[in-house]
Amino acid sequence: MATRQKTDENNGGEKCRLDKWLWAARFFKTRSLAAEAVDSGKVRVDSDRAKPAKEVKIGASIHIRTKDFEIEVRVRGLSNQRRGAPEAVLLYEETESSRAMREEAAVTREKDHAQRERGTGRPTKRQRREIKGFTESW
């Protein structure tokens, strides 16, 4: 049985766990982070919640949501080993709608940052003095 598993890993794998695939495709830094994301419902396979041990199949649609990005991909290849980024990109194909949403979100983030007025974050020294003067007069 152990020899079959080794040959599956070397051939690109006929079977692959969801958490291992997410890790190998470089969506998460560690396999445990990938498993946590799957358990918490941030990863959906064919629009259904899944468990970390779910078997990934070629052609499956996977929706991944994190604080940094939201992406939908189609599985093009299977791998149980984490390799370089150029090889990891070959494991999936991002959908057009997902790509458009990510680009739109990037533009929105840039616009929000560009419109930020000075002093909207922490109060300046002058503003602190004004606040202190106002609150002490009560």
C-alpha atoms as a PDB file:
ATOM      1  CA  MET A   1       0.000   0.000   0.000  1.00  0.00           C
ATOM      2  CA  ALA A   2       2.846   2.387   0.829  1.00  0.00           C
ATOM      3  CA  THR A   3       4.425   1.881  -2.596  1.00  0.00           C
ATOM      4  CA  ARG A   4       1.167   2.784  -4.341  1.00  0.00           C
ATOM      5  CA  GLN A   5       0.936   6.021  -2.363  1.00  0.00           C
ATOM      6  CA  LYS A   6       4.483   6.958  -3.367  1.00  0.00           C
ATOM      7  CA  THR A   7       3.769   6.347  -7.047  1.00  0.00           C
ATOM      8  CA  ASP A   8       0.582   8.417  -6.838  1.00  0.00           C
ATOM      9  CA  GLU A   9       2.549  11.338  -5.388  1.00  0.00           C
ATOM     10  CA  ASN A  10       5.213  11.126  -8.062  1.00  0.00           C
ATOM     11  CA  ASN A  11       2.731  10.860 -10.946  1.00  0.00           C
ATOM     12  CA  GLY A  12       0.891  14.012  -9.964  1.00  0.00           C
ATOM     13  CA  GLY A  13      -1.496  11.859  -7.955  1.00  0.00           C
ATOM     14  CA  GLU A  14      -4.784  10.270  -8.803  1.00  0.00           C
ATOM     15  CA  LYS A  15      -6.001  10.997  -5.279  1.00  0.00           C
ATOM     16  CA  CYS A  16      -5.348  14.155  -3.315  1.00  0.00           C
ATOM     17  CA  ARG A  17      -6.723  15.560  -0.054  1.00  0.00           C
ATOM     18  CA  LEU A  18      -8.215  19.069  -0.216  1.00  0.00           C
ATOM     19  CA  ASP A  19      -5.933  20.509   2.473  1.00  0.00           C
ATOM     20  CA  LYS A  20      -2.834  19.049   0.786  1.00  0.00           C
ATOM     21  CA  TRP A  21      -3.907  20.409  -2.596  1.00  0.00           C
ATOM     22  CA  LEU A  22      -4.517  23.919  -1.206  1.00  0.00           C
ATOM     23  CA  TRP A  23      -1.076  23.813   0.401  1.00  0.00           C
ATOM     24  CA  ALA A  24       0.622  22.435  -2.739  1.00  0.00           C
ATOM     25  CA  ALA A  25      -1.106  25.071  -4.915  1.00  0.00           C
ATOM     26  CA  ARG A  26       0.310  27.722  -2.546  1.00  0.00           C
ATOM     27  CA  PHE A  27      -2.957  29.252  -1.357  1.00  0.00           C
ATOM     28  CA  PHE A  28      -1.852  28.688   2.261  1.00  0.00           C
ATOM     29  CA  LYS A  29       1.621  28.635   3.826  1.00  0.00           C
ATOM     30  CA  THR A  30       1.045  25.512   5.881  1.00  0.00           C
ATOM     31  CA  ARG A  31      -1.177  22.501   5.589  1.00  0.00           C
ATOM     32  CA  SER A  32      -2.614  23.165   9.045  1.00  0.00           C
ATOM     33  CA  LEU A  33      -3.698  26.672   7.942  1.00  0.00           C
ATOM     34  CA  ALA A  34      -5.350  25.114   4.899  1.00  0.00           C
ATOM     35  CA  ALA A  35      -7.153  22.567   7.106  1.00  0.00           C
ATOM     36  CA  GLU A  36      -8.349  25.342   9.464  1.00  0.00           C
ATOM     37  CA  ALA A  37      -9.714  27.335   6.519  1.00  0.00           C
ATOM     38  CA  VAL A  38     -11.583  24.300   5.214  1.00  0.00           C
ATOM     39  CA  ASP A  39     -12.993  23.496   8.675  1.00  0.00           C
ATOM     40  CA  SER A  40     -14.173  27.072   9.218  1.00  0.00           C
ATOM     41  CA  GLY A  41     -16.062  27.127   5.896  1.00  0.00           C
ATOM     42  CA  LYS A  42     -13.772  29.514   4.021  1.00  0.00           C
ATOM     43  CA  VAL A  43     -13.189  26.910   1.312  1.00  0.00           C
ATOM     44  CA  ARG A  44     -16.028  25.428  -0.745  1.00  0.00           C
ATOM     45  CA  VAL A  45     -15.792  22.647  -3.305  1.00  0.00           C
ATOM     46  CA  ASP A  46     -18.457  22.771  -6.023  1.00  0.00           C
ATOM     47  CA  SER A  47     -20.350  25.288  -3.821  1.00  0.00           C
ATOM     48  CA  ASP A  48     -20.559  22.833  -0.883  1.00  0.00           C
ATOM     49  CA  ARG A  49     -18.726  22.908   2.436  1.00  0.00           C
ATOM     50  CA  ALA A  50     -16.039  20.272   2.619  1.00  0.00           C
ATOM     51  CA  LYS A  51     -13.753  18.578   5.107  1.00  0.00           C
ATOM     52  CA  PRO A  52      -9.941  18.719   4.884  1.00  0.00           C
ATOM     53  CA  ALA A  53      -9.771  15.051   3.855  1.00  0.00           C
ATOM     54  CA  LYS A  54     -12.179  15.483   0.921  1.00  0.00           C
ATOM     55  CA  GLU A  55     -10.785  14.042  -2.259  1.00  0.00           C
ATOM     56  CA  VAL A  56     -10.086  16.687  -4.913  1.00  0.00           C
ATOM     57  CA  LYS A  57     -10.819  15.769  -8.514  1.00  0.00           C
ATOM     58  CA  ILE A  58      -9.696  17.399 -11.733  1.00  0.00           C
ATOM     59  CA  GLY A  59     -12.350  19.818 -12.999  1.00  0.00           C
ATOM     60  CA  ALA A  60     -13.725  20.597  -9.526  1.00  0.00           C
ATOM     61  CA  SER A  61     -14.571  24.217  -8.739  1.00  0.00           C
ATOM     62  CA  ILE A  62     -13.001  25.536  -5.523  1.00  0.00           C
ATOM     63  CA  HIS A  63     -13.965  28.865  -3.931  1.00  0.00           C
ATOM     64  CA  ILE A  64     -11.385  30.210  -1.442  1.00  0.00           C
ATOM     65  CA  ARG A  65     -12.040  33.207   0.819  1.00  0.00           C
ATOM     66  CA  THR A  66      -9.449  34.759   3.149  1.00  0.00           C
ATOM     67  CA  LYS A  67      -8.976  38.218   4.604  1.00  0.00           C
ATOM     68  CA  ASP A  68      -6.591  39.103   1.757  1.00  0.00           C
ATOM     69  CA  PHE A  69      -8.409  37.709  -1.250  1.00  0.00           C
ATOM     70  CA  GLU A  70     -11.422  35.861  -2.600  1.00  0.00           C
ATOM     71  CA  ILE A  71     -10.795  33.569  -5.537  1.00  0.00           C
ATOM     72  CA  GLU A  72     -12.571  30.852  -7.497  1.00  0.00           C
ATOM     73  CA  VAL A  73     -10.492  28.285  -9.366  1.00  0.00           C
ATOM     74  CA  ARG A  74     -10.923  25.102 -11.396  1.00  0.00           C
ATOM     75  CA  VAL A  75      -8.620  22.200 -10.590  1.00  0.00           C
ATOM     76  CA  ARG A  76      -6.366  21.344 -13.545  1.00  0.00           C
ATOM     77  CA  GLY A  77      -3.881  19.077 -11.813  1.00  0.00           C
ATOM     78  CA  LEU A  78      -3.293  17.202  -8.569  1.00  0.00           C
ATOM     79  CA  SER A  79      -0.222  17.215  -6.363  1.00  0.00           C
ATOM     80  CA  ASN A  80       0.563  16.118  -2.833  1.00  0.00           C
ATOM     81  CA  GLN A  81       3.938  17.872  -2.838  1.00  0.00           C
ATOM     82  CA  ARG A  82       4.592  21.589  -2.512  1.00  0.00           C
ATOM     83  CA  ARG A  83       6.856  22.799  -5.279  1.00  0.00           C
ATOM     84  CA  GLY A  84       7.850  26.140  -6.736  1.00  0.00           C
ATOM     85  CA  ALA A  85       5.320  28.808  -7.660  1.00  0.00           C
ATOM     86  CA  PRO A  86       5.654  28.259 -11.454  1.00  0.00           C
ATOM     87  CA  GLU A  87       4.659  24.606 -10.985  1.00  0.00           C
ATOM     88  CA  ALA A  88       1.918  25.442  -8.470  1.00  0.00           C
ATOM     89  CA  VAL A  89       0.178  27.730 -10.973  1.00  0.00           C
ATOM     90  CA  LEU A  90      -0.257  24.742 -13.296  1.00  0.00           C
ATOM     91  CA  LEU A  91      -2.498  23.019 -10.722  1.00  0.00           C
ATOM     92  CA  TYR A  92      -5.397  25.457 -11.149  1.00  0.00           C
ATOM     93  CA  GLU A  93      -7.042  27.943 -13.474  1.00  0.00           C
ATOM     94  CA  GLU A  94      -8.766  31.046 -12.139  1.00  0.00           C
ATOM     95  CA  THR A  95     -12.241  31.777 -13.503  1.00  0.00           C
ATOM     96  CA  GLU A  96     -12.884  34.985 -15.447  1.00  0.00           C
ATOM     97  CA  SER A  97     -15.474  36.250 -12.941  1.00  0.00           C
ATOM     98  CA  SER A  98     -13.024  35.730 -10.085  1.00  0.00           C
ATOM     99  CA  ARG A  99     -10.252  37.563 -11.927  1.00  0.00           C
ATOM    100  CA  ALA A 100     -12.579  40.504 -12.648  1.00  0.00           C
ATOM    101  CA  MET A 101     -13.682  40.687  -8.985  1.00  0.00           C
ATOM    102  CA  ARG A 102     -10.069  40.693  -7.754  1.00  0.00           C
ATOM    103  CA  GLU A 103      -9.070  43.456 -10.182  1.00  0.00           C
ATOM    104  CA  GLU A 104     -12.103  45.524  -9.198  1.00  0.00           C
ATOM    105  CA  ALA A 105     -11.289  45.076  -5.506  1.00  0.00           C
ATOM    106  CA  ALA A 106      -7.687  46.176  -6.131  1.00  0.00           C
ATOM    107  CA  VAL A 107      -8.857  49.353  -7.894  1.00  0.00           C
ATOM    108  CA  THR A 108     -11.311  50.095  -5.080  1.00  0.00           C
ATOM    109  CA  ARG A 109      -8.574  49.654  -2.460  1.00  0.00           C
ATOM    110  CA  GLU A 110      -6.302  52.052  -4.363  1.00  0.00           C
ATOM    111  CA  LYS A 111      -9.037  54.669  -4.622  1.00  0.00           C
ATOM    112  CA  ASP A 112      -9.861  54.411  -0.924  1.00  0.00           C
ATOM    113  CA  HIS A 113      -6.234  54.908  -0.034  1.00  0.00           C
ATOM    114  CA  ALA A 114      -5.782  57.829  -2.407  1.00  0.00           C
ATOM    115  CA  GLN A 115      -8.802  59.704  -0.991  1.00  0.00           C
ATOM    116  CA  ARG A 116      -7.672  59.493   2.618  1.00  0.00           C
ATOM    117  CA  GLU A 117      -7.395  62.963   4.076  1.00  0.00           C
ATOM    118  CA  ARG A 118      -4.577  63.956   6.342  1.00  0.00           C
ATOM    119  CA  GLY A 119      -5.425  63.617   9.988  1.00  0.00           C
ATOM    120  CA  THR A 120      -8.225  61.089   9.592  1.00  0.00           C
ATOM    121  CA  GLY A 121      -6.214  58.463  11.456  1.00  0.00           C
ATOM    122  CA  ARG A 122      -4.609  59.278  14.770  1.00  0.00           C
ATOM    123  CA  PRO A 123      -5.107  62.842  15.947  1.00  0.00           C
ATOM    124  CA  THR A 124      -2.227  65.219  15.343  1.00  0.00           C
ATOM    125  CA  LYS A 125      -0.539  67.011  18.215  1.00  0.00           C
ATOM    126  CA  ARG A 126      -2.622  70.102  17.492  1.00  0.00           C
ATOM    127  CA  GLN A 127      -5.865  68.106  17.441  1.00  0.00           C
ATOM    128  CA  ARG A 128      -4.955  66.411  20.751  1.00  0.00           C
ATOM    129  CA  ARG A 129      -4.472  69.814  22.357  1.00  0.00           C
ATOM    130  CA  GLU A 130      -7.857  70.953  21.052  1.00  0.00           C
ATOM    131  CA  ILE A 131      -9.530  67.786  22.342  1.00  0.00           C
ATOM    132  CA  LYS A 132      -7.859  68.146  25.717  1.00  0.00           C
ATOM    133  CA  GLY A 133      -8.895  71.807  25.940  1.00  0.00           C
ATOM    134  CA  PHE A 134     -12.454  70.948  24.998  1.00  0.00           C
ATOM    135  CA  THR A 135     -12.833  68.041  27.415  1.00  0.00           C
ATOM    136  CA  GLU A 136     -11.211  69.842  30.366  1.00  0.00           C
ATOM    137  CA  SER A 137     -13.565  72.803  30.050  1.00  0.00           C
ATOM    138  CA  TRP A 138     -16.553  70.599  30.921  1.00  0.00           C
END
